[in-house]
Amino acid sequence: MLPGGWDAPSFIFTYGAAIIFVGLYIIFKAYEVLVQKKPLRFAVPAKEIDLETNLPYIEALTAASEAQRASHEKSKGTKLSDFLF
């Protein structure tokens, strides 16, 4: 244990995933720009997001799920969850 009450293995385990994620993100973006010759973008512009393709299919799945859920008797936990969320 080092001064200040922390040790190196705990620090690496705690922050290692974030460091690995940032590193992989930088590598992925560099690959896109240098190899695939795509422009550097950090987000998809709102105008390019497609919200209509497959919408009828998603609505049908949602309706089927809601119908199945309504056919079962709700427990107290499910009622509380439905109330809160």
Protein backbone atom coordinates (compact mmCIF):
# COMPACT_ATOMS: atom_id res chain seq x y z
CA MET A 1 0.00 0.00 0.00
CA LEU A 2 1.28 3.43 -0.94
CA PRO A 3 1.02 6.61 1.09
CA GLY A 4 -2.46 8.07 0.98
CA GLY A 5 -4.29 4.78 1.49
CA TRP A 6 -4.36 3.33 -2.03
CA ASP A 7 -2.48 0.60 -3.82
CA ALA A 8 -1.46 0.20 -7.44
CA PRO A 9 -3.49 -2.96 -8.28
CA SER A 10 -6.72 -1.34 -7.09
CA PHE A 11 -5.99 1.81 -9.09
CA ILE A 12 -5.22 -0.14 -12.26
CA PHE A 13 -8.31 -2.34 -11.85
CA THR A 14 -10.55 0.66 -11.19
CA TYR A 15 -9.35 2.97 -13.97
CA GLY A 16 -7.95 0.43 -16.42
CA ALA A 17 -11.23 -0.09 -18.29
CA ALA A 18 -11.61 3.65 -18.93
CA ILE A 19 -8.03 3.91 -20.17
CA ILE A 20 -8.49 0.88 -22.44
CA PHE A 21 -11.76 2.32 -23.81
CA VAL A 22 -10.18 5.67 -24.65
CA GLY A 23 -7.21 3.95 -26.27
CA LEU A 24 -9.42 1.71 -28.42
CA TYR A 25 -11.59 4.69 -29.39
CA ILE A 26 -8.52 6.64 -30.56
CA ILE A 27 -7.26 3.62 -32.52
CA PHE A 28 -10.68 3.12 -34.14
CA LYS A 29 -10.97 6.78 -35.14
CA ALA A 30 -7.40 6.79 -36.52
CA TYR A 31 -8.22 3.66 -38.57
CA GLU A 32 -11.36 5.31 -39.96
CA VAL A 33 -9.51 8.46 -40.97
CA LEU A 34 -6.22 7.00 -42.20
CA VAL A 35 -7.25 3.67 -43.75
CA GLN A 36 -10.90 4.04 -44.69
CA LYS A 37 -10.45 7.73 -45.67
CA LYS A 38 -13.57 8.84 -43.81
CA PRO A 39 -13.88 12.36 -42.41
CA LEU A 40 -13.29 12.72 -38.70
CA ARG A 41 -16.65 12.87 -36.88
CA PHE A 42 -17.37 12.32 -33.22
CA ALA A 43 -21.15 12.06 -33.53
CA VAL A 44 -23.77 11.38 -36.19
CA PRO A 45 -25.56 14.58 -37.24
CA ALA A 46 -29.25 14.57 -36.37
CA LYS A 47 -30.23 14.96 -40.04
CA GLU A 48 -28.58 11.61 -40.85
CA ILE A 49 -30.39 9.57 -38.19
CA ASP A 50 -33.08 7.36 -39.73
CA LEU A 51 -36.08 6.97 -37.43
CA GLU A 52 -38.56 5.63 -39.98
CA THR A 53 -36.99 2.50 -41.49
CA ASN A 54 -38.42 -0.64 -39.83
CA LEU A 55 -40.78 1.47 -37.70
CA PRO A 56 -43.85 -0.73 -38.47
CA TYR A 57 -41.87 -3.81 -37.42
CA ILE A 58 -40.79 -2.19 -34.15
CA GLU A 59 -44.34 -1.02 -33.43
CA ALA A 60 -45.65 -4.57 -34.07
CA LEU A 61 -43.07 -6.02 -31.66
CA THR A 62 -44.00 -3.42 -29.04
CA ALA A 63 -47.72 -4.15 -29.43
CA ALA A 64 -47.12 -7.92 -29.14
CA SER A 65 -44.98 -7.41 -26.06
CA GLU A 66 -47.58 -5.17 -24.42
CA ALA A 67 -50.36 -7.66 -25.22
CA GLN A 68 -48.37 -10.51 -23.69
CA ARG A 69 -47.56 -8.41 -20.64
CA ALA A 70 -51.23 -7.43 -20.20
CA SER A 71 -52.35 -11.07 -20.35
CA HIS A 72 -50.38 -11.99 -17.22
CA GLU A 73 -51.43 -11.07 -13.70
CA LYS A 74 -49.17 -8.39 -12.27
CA SER A 75 -47.28 -8.90 -9.04
CA LYS A 76 -46.86 -6.14 -6.50
CA GLY A 77 -43.29 -5.57 -7.69
CA THR A 78 -44.42 -5.23 -11.31
CA LYS A 79 -47.17 -2.81 -10.31
CA LEU A 80 -44.68 -0.72 -8.38
CA SER A 81 -42.25 -0.77 -11.31
CA ASP A 82 -45.00 0.27 -13.72
CA PHE A 83 -45.98 3.10 -11.39
CA LEU A 84 -42.43 4.39 -11.00
CA PHE A 85 -41.24 3.94 -14.57
